[in-house]
C-alpha atoms as a PDB file:
ATOM      1  CA  MET A   1     -37.762 -61.066  25.837  1.00  0.00           C
ATOM      2  CA  ALA A   2     -41.462 -60.814  25.018  1.00  0.00           C
ATOM      3  CA  THR A   3     -44.244 -63.270  24.303  1.00  0.00           C
ATOM      4  CA  ASP A   4     -47.397 -62.691  22.274  1.00  0.00           C
ATOM      5  CA  TYR A   5     -50.570 -64.443  23.394  1.00  0.00           C
ATOM      6  CA  ASP A   6     -53.892 -65.003  21.676  1.00  0.00           C
ATOM      7  CA  ILE A   7     -56.450 -64.871  24.478  1.00  0.00           C
ATOM      8  CA  ARG A   8     -60.109 -65.832  24.574  1.00  0.00           C
ATOM      9  CA  LEU A   9     -62.373 -65.498  27.595  1.00  0.00           C
ATOM     10  CA  GLU A  10     -66.047 -66.416  27.766  1.00  0.00           C
ATOM     11  CA  ILE A  11     -68.252 -66.126  30.861  1.00  0.00           C
ATOM     12  CA  THR A  12     -71.798 -67.399  30.322  1.00  0.00           C
ATOM     13  CA  TYR A  13     -74.853 -67.095  32.572  1.00  0.00           C
ATOM     14  CA  SER A  14     -77.898 -69.323  31.972  1.00  0.00           C
ATOM     15  CA  TYR A  15     -81.172 -68.575  33.790  1.00  0.00           C
ATOM     16  CA  GLU A  16     -83.918 -70.989  34.824  1.00  0.00           C
ATOM     17  CA  ALA A  17     -86.496 -68.247  34.186  1.00  0.00           C
ATOM     18  CA  PRO A  18     -86.069 -65.335  31.737  1.00  0.00           C
ATOM     19  CA  ALA A  19     -84.126 -62.477  33.318  1.00  0.00           C
ATOM     20  CA  GLY A  20     -84.903 -58.909  32.380  1.00  0.00           C
ATOM     21  CA  SER A  21     -83.548 -55.379  32.800  1.00  0.00           C
ATOM     22  CA  SER A  22     -79.944 -56.383  33.414  1.00  0.00           C
ATOM     23  CA  ARG A  23     -77.219 -53.823  34.088  1.00  0.00           C
ATOM     24  CA  THR A  24     -73.623 -55.079  34.030  1.00  0.00           C
ATOM     25  CA  LEU A  25     -70.135 -53.650  34.522  1.00  0.00           C
ATOM     26  CA  LEU A  26     -67.369 -55.648  32.829  1.00  0.00           C
ATOM     27  CA  ARG A  27     -63.624 -55.558  33.438  1.00  0.00           C
ATOM     28  CA  MET A  28     -62.320 -57.991  30.820  1.00  0.00           C
ATOM     29  CA  LEU A  29     -59.971 -55.960  28.590  1.00  0.00           C
ATOM     30  CA  PRO A  30     -56.278 -56.506  29.480  1.00  0.00           C
ATOM     31  CA  LEU A  31     -54.249 -53.588  30.798  1.00  0.00           C
ATOM     32  CA  GLY A  32     -51.644 -51.683  28.841  1.00  0.00           C
ATOM     33  CA  ASN A  33     -48.542 -50.710  30.820  1.00  0.00           C
ATOM     34  CA  ALA A  34     -44.733 -50.762  30.778  1.00  0.00           C
ATOM     35  CA  VAL A  35     -44.536 -54.570  30.485  1.00  0.00           C
ATOM     36  CA  GLN A  36     -47.751 -55.352  28.625  1.00  0.00           C
ATOM     37  CA  GLN A  37     -49.236 -54.166  25.324  1.00  0.00           C
ATOM     38  CA  LEU A  38     -52.757 -54.801  24.081  1.00  0.00           C
ATOM     39  CA  ILE A  39     -52.134 -55.351  20.366  1.00  0.00           C
ATOM     40  CA  SER A  40     -55.771 -55.949  19.478  1.00  0.00           C
ATOM     41  CA  GLY A  41     -58.924 -57.021  21.246  1.00  0.00           C
ATOM     42  CA  ARG A  42     -62.566 -56.394  21.944  1.00  0.00           C
ATOM     43  CA  VAL A  43     -65.126 -57.111  24.644  1.00  0.00           C
ATOM     44  CA  SER A  44     -68.477 -58.302  23.288  1.00  0.00           C
ATOM     45  CA  THR A  45     -71.759 -59.797  24.491  1.00  0.00           C
ATOM     46  CA  ASP A  46     -74.214 -62.270  23.023  1.00  0.00           C
ATOM     47  CA  PRO A  47     -76.901 -61.077  22.627  1.00  0.00           C
ATOM     48  CA  ALA A  48     -75.731 -57.556  21.805  1.00  0.00           C
ATOM     49  CA  PRO A  49     -76.655 -54.970  24.461  1.00  0.00           C
ATOM     50  CA  ASP A  50     -79.274 -52.260  24.180  1.00  0.00           C
ATOM     51  CA  PHE A  51     -76.800 -49.807  25.727  1.00  0.00           C
ATOM     52  CA  ARG A  52     -73.004 -49.802  25.890  1.00  0.00           C
ATOM     53  CA  ARG A  53     -70.401 -47.377  27.229  1.00  0.00           C
ATOM     54  CA  ASP A  54     -66.646 -48.027  27.399  1.00  0.00           C
ATOM     55  CA  GLY A  55     -64.439 -46.193  29.864  1.00  0.00           C
ATOM     56  CA  ALA A  56     -62.006 -46.636  32.751  1.00  0.00           C
ATOM     57  CA  ASP A  57     -62.254 -46.763  36.533  1.00  0.00           C
ATOM     58  CA  PHE A  58     -60.192 -44.985  39.196  1.00  0.00           C
ATOM     59  CA  PHE A  59     -57.352 -47.512  38.989  1.00  0.00           C
ATOM     60  CA  GLY A  60     -57.123 -47.234  35.186  1.00  0.00           C
ATOM     61  CA  ASN A  61     -58.849 -50.542  34.443  1.00  0.00           C
ATOM     62  CA  ALA A  62     -60.829 -50.656  31.205  1.00  0.00           C
ATOM     63  CA  THR A  63     -64.569 -50.901  31.880  1.00  0.00           C
ATOM     64  CA  THR A  64     -67.573 -51.725  29.712  1.00  0.00           C
ATOM     65  CA  GLU A  65     -71.026 -50.755  30.982  1.00  0.00           C
ATOM     66  CA  ILE A  66     -73.862 -52.597  29.276  1.00  0.00           C
ATOM     67  CA  ALA A  67     -77.617 -52.905  29.620  1.00  0.00           C
ATOM     68  CA  HIS A  68     -80.185 -55.356  28.257  1.00  0.00           C
ATOM     69  CA  ASP A  69     -83.807 -54.254  28.375  1.00  0.00           C
ATOM     70  CA  ARG A  70     -85.353 -57.497  27.164  1.00  0.00           C
ATOM     71  CA  PRO A  71     -85.791 -60.936  28.791  1.00  0.00           C
ATOM     72  CA  LEU A  72     -82.760 -63.211  28.589  1.00  0.00           C
ATOM     73  CA  THR A  73     -82.421 -66.929  29.180  1.00  0.00           C
ATOM     74  CA  GLU A  74     -78.674 -66.861  28.526  1.00  0.00           C
ATOM     75  CA  ILE A  75     -76.002 -64.217  28.108  1.00  0.00           C
ATOM     76  CA  ALA A  76     -72.326 -64.589  27.207  1.00  0.00           C
ATOM     77  CA  PHE A  77     -69.617 -62.026  27.921  1.00  0.00           C
ATOM     78  CA  ARG A  78     -66.509 -62.421  25.766  1.00  0.00           C
ATOM     79  CA  PHE A  79     -63.027 -61.040  25.218  1.00  0.00           C
ATOM     80  CA  ALA A  80     -60.861 -62.035  22.263  1.00  0.00           C
ATOM     81  CA  GLY A  81     -57.553 -60.422  21.448  1.00  0.00           C
ATOM     82  CA  ARG A  82     -53.767 -60.481  21.344  1.00  0.00           C
ATOM     83  CA  VAL A  83     -51.433 -59.255  24.083  1.00  0.00           C
ATOM     84  CA  ARG A  84     -47.651 -58.840  24.107  1.00  0.00           C
ATOM     85  CA  ARG A  85     -46.080 -59.513  27.496  1.00  0.00           C
ATOM     86  CA  SER A  86     -42.473 -58.797  28.445  1.00  0.00           C
ATOM     87  CA  GLY A  87     -40.541 -59.320  31.667  1.00  0.00           C
ATOM     88  CA  GLY A  88     -39.986 -56.595  34.204  1.00  0.00           C
ATOM     89  CA  MET A  89     -39.612 -58.144  37.654  1.00  0.00           C
ATOM     90  CA  PRO A  90     -36.704 -56.871  39.767  1.00  0.00           C
ATOM     91  CA  GLY A  91     -33.253 -58.434  39.517  1.00  0.00           C
ATOM     92  CA  LEU A  92     -31.296 -57.023  42.472  1.00  0.00           C
ATOM     93  CA  ASP A  93     -33.236 -56.467  45.683  1.00  0.00           C
ATOM     94  CA  LEU A  94     -33.164 -52.682  46.115  1.00  0.00           C
ATOM     95  CA  SER A  95     -36.305 -52.556  48.231  1.00  0.00           C
ATOM     96  CA  SER A  96     -36.495 -50.706  51.537  1.00  0.00           C
ATOM     97  CA  ASP A  97     -36.105 -52.314  54.932  1.00  0.00           C
ATOM     98  CA  LEU A  98     -39.407 -52.833  56.694  1.00  0.00           C
ATOM     99  CA  GLY A  99     -38.228 -50.500  59.434  1.00  0.00           C
ATOM    100  CA  ARG A 100     -37.948 -47.613  56.941  1.00  0.00           C
ATOM    101  CA  LEU A 101     -40.863 -48.446  54.676  1.00  0.00           C
ATOM    102  CA  GLY A 102     -43.382 -46.452  56.697  1.00  0.00           C
ATOM    103  CA  GLU A 103     -41.268 -43.293  56.388  1.00  0.00           C
ATOM    104  CA  GLU A 104     -41.062 -43.707  52.615  1.00  0.00           C
ATOM    105  CA  ILE A 105     -44.835 -44.168  52.384  1.00  0.00           C
ATOM    106  CA  ALA A 106     -45.431 -41.060  54.525  1.00  0.00           C
ATOM    107  CA  ALA A 107     -43.127 -39.002  52.277  1.00  0.00           C
ATOM    108  CA  ILE A 108     -45.350 -39.574  49.243  1.00  0.00           C
ATOM    109  CA  ARG A 109     -47.747 -36.717  48.518  1.00  0.00           C
ATOM    110  CA  GLY A 110     -50.742 -37.346  46.299  1.00  0.00           C
ATOM    111  CA  ILE A 111     -53.916 -39.374  45.952  1.00  0.00           C
ATOM    112  CA  GLY A 112     -53.422 -40.876  42.495  1.00  0.00           C
ATOM    113  CA  PRO A 113     -54.511 -44.454  41.784  1.00  0.00           C
ATOM    114  CA  HIS A 114     -51.071 -46.001  42.230  1.00  0.00           C
ATOM    115  CA  VAL A 115     -49.876 -44.318  45.430  1.00  0.00           C
ATOM    116  CA  PRO A 116     -49.384 -46.883  48.215  1.00  0.00           C
ATOM    117  CA  HIS A 117     -51.727 -45.161  50.696  1.00  0.00           C
ATOM    118  CA  HIS A 118     -54.796 -46.733  49.047  1.00  0.00           C
ATOM    119  CA  PHE A 119     -53.419 -50.230  49.673  1.00  0.00           C
ATOM    120  CA  LEU A 120     -52.561 -50.186  53.386  1.00  0.00           C
ATOM    121  CA  GLY A 121     -55.885 -50.154  55.214  1.00  0.00           C
ATOM    122  CA  ALA A 122     -59.041 -52.222  55.126  1.00  0.00           C
ATOM    123  CA  SER A 123     -60.938 -52.606  51.854  1.00  0.00           C
ATOM    124  CA  GLU A 124     -64.313 -54.090  50.938  1.00  0.00           C
ATOM    125  CA  ARG A 125     -63.194 -57.746  51.049  1.00  0.00           C
ATOM    126  CA  ILE A 126     -60.141 -57.499  53.329  1.00  0.00           C
ATOM    127  CA  CYS A 127     -60.076 -56.306  56.930  1.00  0.00           C
ATOM    128  CA  HIS A 128     -57.475 -56.562  59.687  1.00  0.00           C
ATOM    129  CA  GLU A 129     -57.425 -60.108  61.060  1.00  0.00           C
ATOM    130  CA  PRO A 130     -55.290 -60.629  64.208  1.00  0.00           C
ATOM    131  CA  ARG A 131     -54.593 -64.295  63.396  1.00  0.00           C
ATOM    132  CA  ILE A 132     -53.339 -63.482  59.900  1.00  0.00           C
ATOM    133  CA  ALA A 133     -51.335 -60.574  61.326  1.00  0.00           C
ATOM    134  CA  ALA A 134     -49.700 -62.832  63.909  1.00  0.00           C
ATOM    135  CA  PHE A 135     -48.843 -65.375  61.216  1.00  0.00           C
ATOM    136  CA  ALA A 136     -47.191 -62.687  59.077  1.00  0.00           C
ATOM    137  CA  GLY A 137     -45.435 -60.980  61.980  1.00  0.00           C
ATOM    138  CA  ALA A 138     -43.675 -64.197  62.934  1.00  0.00           C
ATOM    139  CA  LEU A 139     -42.092 -64.387  59.467  1.00  0.00           C
ATOM    140  CA  VAL A 140     -40.509 -60.924  59.231  1.00  0.00           C
ATOM    141  CA  ALA A 141     -38.190 -58.555  61.093  1.00  0.00           C
ATOM    142  CA  PRO A 142     -37.587 -54.770  60.844  1.00  0.00           C
ATOM    143  CA  ASP A 143     -34.205 -55.222  59.111  1.00  0.00           C
ATOM    144  CA  MET A 144     -35.719 -57.495  56.438  1.00  0.00           C
ATOM    145  CA  SER A 145     -36.166 -55.983  52.980  1.00  0.00           C
ATOM    146  CA  ALA A 146     -39.736 -55.415  51.829  1.00  0.00           C
ATOM    147  CA  LEU A 147     -39.198 -57.700  48.839  1.00  0.00           C
ATOM    148  CA  ALA A 148     -37.732 -60.481  51.008  1.00  0.00           C
ATOM    149  CA  ALA A 149     -40.632 -60.119  53.444  1.00  0.00           C
ATOM    150  CA  THR A 150     -43.150 -60.259  50.598  1.00  0.00           C
ATOM    151  CA  ARG A 151     -41.565 -63.406  49.212  1.00  0.00           C
ATOM    152  CA  ALA A 152     -41.397 -65.027  52.664  1.00  0.00           C
ATOM    153  CA  ILE A 153     -45.085 -64.395  53.354  1.00  0.00           C
ATOM    154  CA  ALA A 154     -46.178 -65.535  49.890  1.00  0.00           C
ATOM    155  CA  HIS A 155     -44.028 -68.688  50.100  1.00  0.00           C
ATOM    156  CA  ASN A 156     -45.343 -69.656  53.536  1.00  0.00           C
ATOM    157  CA  LEU A 157     -48.940 -69.174  52.438  1.00  0.00           C
ATOM    158  CA  HIS A 158     -48.258 -71.251  49.337  1.00  0.00           C
ATOM    159  CA  GLU A 159     -46.982 -74.019  51.614  1.00  0.00           C
ATOM    160  CA  ARG A 160     -49.960 -73.607  53.966  1.00  0.00           C
ATOM    161  CA  PHE A 161     -52.729 -73.768  51.353  1.00  0.00           C
ATOM    162  CA  GLU A 162     -54.029 -76.675  49.343  1.00  0.00           C
ATOM    163  CA  PHE A 163     -55.471 -75.547  46.011  1.00  0.00           C
ATOM    164  CA  ASP A 164     -59.084 -76.699  46.172  1.00  0.00           C
ATOM    165  CA  PRO A 165     -61.772 -75.224  43.856  1.00  0.00           C
ATOM    166  CA  GLU A 166     -64.532 -76.850  45.921  1.00  0.00           C
ATOM    167  CA  ALA A 167     -63.492 -75.444  49.304  1.00  0.00           C
ATOM    168  CA  THR A 168     -64.617 -71.825  48.952  1.00  0.00           C
ATOM    169  CA  GLU A 169     -66.990 -69.479  47.147  1.00  0.00           C
ATOM    170  CA  VAL A 170     -66.413 -66.034  45.672  1.00  0.00           C
ATOM    171  CA  THR A 171     -67.734 -64.463  48.906  1.00  0.00           C
ATOM    172  CA  THR A 172     -65.618 -66.533  51.323  1.00  0.00           C
ATOM    173  CA  PRO A 173     -63.818 -64.169  53.739  1.00  0.00           C
ATOM    174  CA  PRO A 174     -60.014 -64.414  53.898  1.00  0.00           C
ATOM    175  CA  ILE A 175     -59.956 -65.583  57.524  1.00  0.00           C
ATOM    176  CA  ALA A 176     -62.187 -68.570  56.704  1.00  0.00           C
ATOM    177  CA  ALA A 177     -59.870 -69.679  53.889  1.00  0.00           C
ATOM    178  CA  PHE A 178     -56.815 -69.076  56.100  1.00  0.00           C
ATOM    179  CA  GLU A 179     -58.164 -71.291  58.863  1.00  0.00           C
ATOM    180  CA  ALA A 180     -59.340 -73.997  56.448  1.00  0.00           C
ATOM    181  CA  ARG A 181     -55.946 -73.930  54.655  1.00  0.00           C
ATOM    182  CA  ARG A 182     -57.759 -74.514  51.373  1.00  0.00           C
ATOM    183  CA  GLY A 183     -59.015 -72.399  48.523  1.00  0.00           C
ATOM    184  CA  VAL A 184     -58.265 -70.971  45.094  1.00  0.00           C
ATOM    185  CA  CYS A 185     -56.141 -68.127  43.793  1.00  0.00           C
ATOM    186  CA  GLN A 186     -58.632 -65.492  44.968  1.00  0.00           C
ATOM    187  CA  ASP A 187     -58.485 -66.805  48.544  1.00  0.00           C
ATOM    188  CA  ILE A 188     -54.709 -67.173  48.631  1.00  0.00           C
ATOM    189  CA  SER A 189     -54.253 -63.674  47.171  1.00  0.00           C
ATOM    190  CA  HIS A 190     -56.685 -62.109  49.652  1.00  0.00           C
ATOM    191  CA  VAL A 191     -54.916 -63.748  52.602  1.00  0.00           C
ATOM    192  CA  THR A 192     -51.513 -62.662  51.247  1.00  0.00           C
ATOM    193  CA  ILE A 193     -52.736 -59.070  50.904  1.00  0.00           C
ATOM    194  CA  ALA A 194     -54.093 -59.105  54.460  1.00  0.00           C
ATOM    195  CA  ALA A 195     -50.782 -60.470  55.751  1.00  0.00           C
ATOM    196  CA  LEU A 196     -48.680 -57.911  53.860  1.00  0.00           C
ATOM    197  CA  ARG A 197     -50.795 -54.982  55.007  1.00  0.00           C
ATOM    198  CA  ALA A 198     -50.528 -56.244  58.585  1.00  0.00           C
ATOM    199  CA  VAL A 199     -46.725 -55.840  58.497  1.00  0.00           C
ATOM    200  CA  GLY A 200     -46.888 -52.430  56.812  1.00  0.00           C
ATOM    201  CA  ILE A 201     -46.436 -53.406  53.159  1.00  0.00           C
ATOM    202  CA  PRO A 202     -49.033 -51.830  50.840  1.00  0.00           C
ATOM    203  CA  ALA A 203     -50.614 -54.618  48.799  1.00  0.00           C
ATOM    204  CA  GLY A 204     -53.293 -54.952  46.130  1.00  0.00           C
ATOM    205  CA  TYR A 205     -55.061 -57.495  43.965  1.00  0.00           C
ATOM    206  CA  VAL A 206     -54.463 -58.289  40.288  1.00  0.00           C
ATOM    207  CA  SER A 207     -56.840 -60.255  38.080  1.00  0.00           C
ATOM    208  CA  GLY A 208     -55.669 -61.726  34.809  1.00  0.00           C
ATOM    209  CA  PHE A 209     -54.685 -64.788  32.840  1.00  0.00           C
ATOM    210  CA  LEU A 210     -52.041 -67.513  32.931  1.00  0.00           C
ATOM    211  CA  ARG A 211     -50.712 -69.237  29.847  1.00  0.00           C
ATOM    212  CA  THR A 212     -52.571 -72.529  29.394  1.00  0.00           C
ATOM    213  CA  ARG A 213     -49.728 -74.386  27.698  1.00  0.00           C
ATOM    214  CA  PRO A 214     -46.537 -74.531  29.784  1.00  0.00           C
ATOM    215  CA  PRO A 215     -43.079 -74.711  28.211  1.00  0.00           C
ATOM    216  CA  PRO A 216     -41.740 -78.244  27.547  1.00  0.00           C
ATOM    217  CA  GLY A 217     -40.757 -80.010  30.735  1.00  0.00           C
ATOM    218  CA  GLN A 218     -42.495 -77.511  33.041  1.00  0.00           C
ATOM    219  CA  PRO A 219     -45.655 -78.266  35.057  1.00  0.00           C
ATOM    220  CA  ARG A 220     -48.985 -76.648  34.346  1.00  0.00           C
ATOM    221  CA  LEU A 221     -49.590 -73.732  36.720  1.00  0.00           C
ATOM    222  CA  GLU A 222     -52.519 -73.762  39.132  1.00  0.00           C
ATOM    223  CA  GLY A 223     -55.360 -71.504  38.016  1.00  0.00           C
ATOM    224  CA  ALA A 224     -54.685 -71.671  34.284  1.00  0.00           C
ATOM    225  CA  ASP A 225     -58.176 -72.921  33.391  1.00  0.00           C
ATOM    226  CA  ALA A 226     -59.949 -69.724  34.483  1.00  0.00           C
ATOM    227  CA  MET A 227     -59.133 -66.115  35.239  1.00  0.00           C
ATOM    228  CA  HIS A 228     -56.274 -66.019  37.709  1.00  0.00           C
ATOM    229  CA  ALA A 229     -55.392 -63.719  40.610  1.00  0.00           C
ATOM    230  CA  TRP A 230     -52.135 -62.594  42.147  1.00  0.00           C
ATOM    231  CA  VAL A 231     -50.718 -59.809  44.362  1.00  0.00           C
ATOM    232  CA  ARG A 232     -48.899 -56.512  43.882  1.00  0.00           C
ATOM    233  CA  ALA A 233     -46.828 -55.092  46.730  1.00  0.00           C
ATOM    234  CA  TRP A 234     -45.172 -51.689  47.129  1.00  0.00           C
ATOM    235  CA  CYS A 235     -41.602 -52.277  48.270  1.00  0.00           C
ATOM    236  CA  GLY A 236     -40.246 -48.746  48.639  1.00  0.00           C
ATOM    237  CA  ALA A 237     -39.476 -45.686  46.547  1.00  0.00           C
ATOM    238  CA  GLU A 238     -36.558 -47.330  44.722  1.00  0.00           C
ATOM    239  CA  THR A 239     -38.309 -50.577  43.784  1.00  0.00           C
ATOM    240  CA  GLY A 240     -41.930 -49.438  43.608  1.00  0.00           C
ATOM    241  CA  TRP A 241     -44.576 -52.076  42.838  1.00  0.00           C
ATOM    242  CA  ILE A 242     -43.693 -55.722  42.331  1.00  0.00           C
ATOM    243  CA  GLU A 243     -46.093 -58.568  41.527  1.00  0.00           C
ATOM    244  CA  ILE A 244     -46.017 -62.024  43.074  1.00  0.00           C
ATOM    245  CA  ASP A 245     -48.160 -65.134  42.548  1.00  0.00           C
ATOM    246  CA  PRO A 246     -48.574 -66.871  45.929  1.00  0.00           C
ATOM    247  CA  THR A 247     -50.723 -69.630  44.411  1.00  0.00           C
ATOM    248  CA  ASN A 248     -47.737 -70.804  42.372  1.00  0.00           C
ATOM    249  CA  ASP A 249     -44.967 -69.417  44.648  1.00  0.00           C
ATOM    250  CA  LEU A 250     -43.239 -67.258  42.029  1.00  0.00           C
ATOM    251  CA  LEU A 251     -42.642 -63.691  40.959  1.00  0.00           C
ATOM    252  CA  VAL A 252     -44.901 -62.678  38.104  1.00  0.00           C
ATOM    253  CA  GLY A 253     -43.373 -62.835  34.638  1.00  0.00           C
ATOM    254  CA  THR A 254     -44.256 -63.418  31.020  1.00  0.00           C
ATOM    255  CA  ASP A 255     -46.700 -66.243  31.867  1.00  0.00           C
ATOM    256  CA  HIS A 256     -49.058 -63.689  33.460  1.00  0.00           C
ATOM    257  CA  VAL A 257     -51.304 -61.217  31.612  1.00  0.00           C
ATOM    258  CA  ALA A 258     -52.957 -58.588  33.826  1.00  0.00           C
ATOM    259  CA  VAL A 259     -56.540 -57.456  33.266  1.00  0.00           C
ATOM    260  CA  ALA A 260     -57.320 -55.252  36.283  1.00  0.00           C
ATOM    261  CA  ILE A 261     -55.771 -54.012  39.533  1.00  0.00           C
ATOM    262  CA  GLY A 262     -57.413 -52.877  42.758  1.00  0.00           C
ATOM    263  CA  ARG A 263     -57.468 -53.209  46.516  1.00  0.00           C
ATOM    264  CA  ASP A 264     -59.234 -56.587  46.439  1.00  0.00           C
ATOM    265  CA  TYR A 265     -61.548 -58.662  44.249  1.00  0.00           C
ATOM    266  CA  ALA A 266     -64.412 -56.178  44.628  1.00  0.00           C
ATOM    267  CA  ASP A 267     -62.408 -53.614  42.621  1.00  0.00           C
ATOM    268  CA  VAL A 268     -61.600 -55.984  39.736  1.00  0.00           C
ATOM    269  CA  ALA A 269     -64.508 -58.423  39.358  1.00  0.00           C
ATOM    270  CA  PRO A 270     -64.784 -59.240  35.622  1.00  0.00           C
ATOM    271  CA  VAL A 271     -68.604 -59.257  35.742  1.00  0.00           C
ATOM    272  CA  ARG A 272     -70.620 -57.239  38.239  1.00  0.00           C
ATOM    273  CA  GLY A 273     -74.195 -56.083  37.960  1.00  0.00           C
ATOM    274  CA  SER A 274     -77.860 -56.552  38.749  1.00  0.00           C
ATOM    275  CA  LEU A 275     -80.953 -57.965  37.054  1.00  0.00           C
ATOM    276  CA  ARG A 276     -84.530 -59.063  37.703  1.00  0.00           C
ATOM    277  CA  THR A 277     -85.035 -62.816  37.681  1.00  0.00           C
ATOM    278  CA  GLU A 278     -86.624 -65.767  39.471  1.00  0.00           C
ATOM    279  CA  GLY A 279     -85.247 -69.234  40.015  1.00  0.00           C
ATOM    280  CA  THR A 280     -81.652 -70.374  39.796  1.00  0.00           C
ATOM    281  CA  HIS A 281     -78.861 -69.724  37.339  1.00  0.00           C
ATOM    282  CA  THR A 282     -75.667 -71.478  36.255  1.00  0.00           C
ATOM    283  CA  THR A 283     -72.342 -70.011  35.201  1.00  0.00           C
ATOM    284  CA  SER A 284     -69.607 -71.336  32.915  1.00  0.00           C
ATOM    285  CA  HIS A 285     -66.126 -69.911  32.506  1.00  0.00           C
ATOM    286  CA  LYS A 286     -63.759 -70.665  29.596  1.00  0.00           C
ATOM    287  CA  VAL A 287     -60.237 -69.324  29.087  1.00  0.00           C
ATOM    288  CA  ASP A 288     -57.629 -69.968  26.407  1.00  0.00           C
ATOM    289  CA  VAL A 289     -54.193 -68.283  26.575  1.00  0.00           C
ATOM    290  CA  ILE A 290     -52.142 -69.565  23.670  1.00  0.00           C
ATOM    291  CA  PRO A 291     -48.593 -68.378  22.877  1.00  0.00           C
ATOM    292  CA  CYS A 292     -48.254 -67.260  19.270  1.00  0.00           C
ATOM    293  CA  GLU A 293     -45.904 -69.559  17.412  1.00  0.00           C
ATOM    294  CA  GLY A 294     -42.985 -68.383  15.351  1.00  0.00           C
ATOM    295  CA  ARG A 295     -42.538 -64.891  16.818  1.00  0.00           C
ATOM    296  CA  PRO A 296     -38.986 -64.089  17.978  1.00  0.00           C
ATOM    297  CA  GLY A 297     -38.864 -62.776  21.541  1.00  0.00           C
END
């Protein structure tokens, strides 16, 4: 069963005073992998850049480096394209027990982008927090499967948090959101990753999109009006990586379209760069994820 989506993303920055000499790194092009196919699509800017280079980062995320060498009062970064998304989440739980997971991680040799070693320790936005570790440790036991432990931690954090776009900022540390019990998908995902790593489960961050029109009779998912975030967890050699959405308390499926993966938000930020400017600026963020009608799954 697969679903095709027409996706449009626009992130616009408006500056109080003209901004010059901007350098920006974009991660806005959806991934291609075993469950997701980029049928067509392009990242663009308005105005057009003076320099552009497309490539990929260490984790295989598509990148677009751009530069503007003239003053700007407004700039828009856009993606428009079509993506085909199929299922792929595990049926039977064949994941390793937590007591054996460390041995399976240690048996892996290599430093490639998807080996679990990169996703166990501290990263730029996520460090070891004893209070989050204690919370997670109380929910699991050594004979629990890694998948069951992942679902238990994600479910309990879903129950703990109130989705509140006004409660945090992009730089809010995970422990602050954890203690406030409020935040958005970025906060809930960061706390989930910290909790999973604390009990020995390698975990990373996924940025992407949610469908903006739910099936008949189903509620609209939290986070569907902007880019969304969820979690990937390595559950042993047999199961490998699974993805879970703690904001909505569900395993990731055809409603989710991945754009970038990394250790935390710092590795996947859709827009990151520098520029010379004075005064303030405002940002707007628009997302449309529309299922294509009439295509058999």
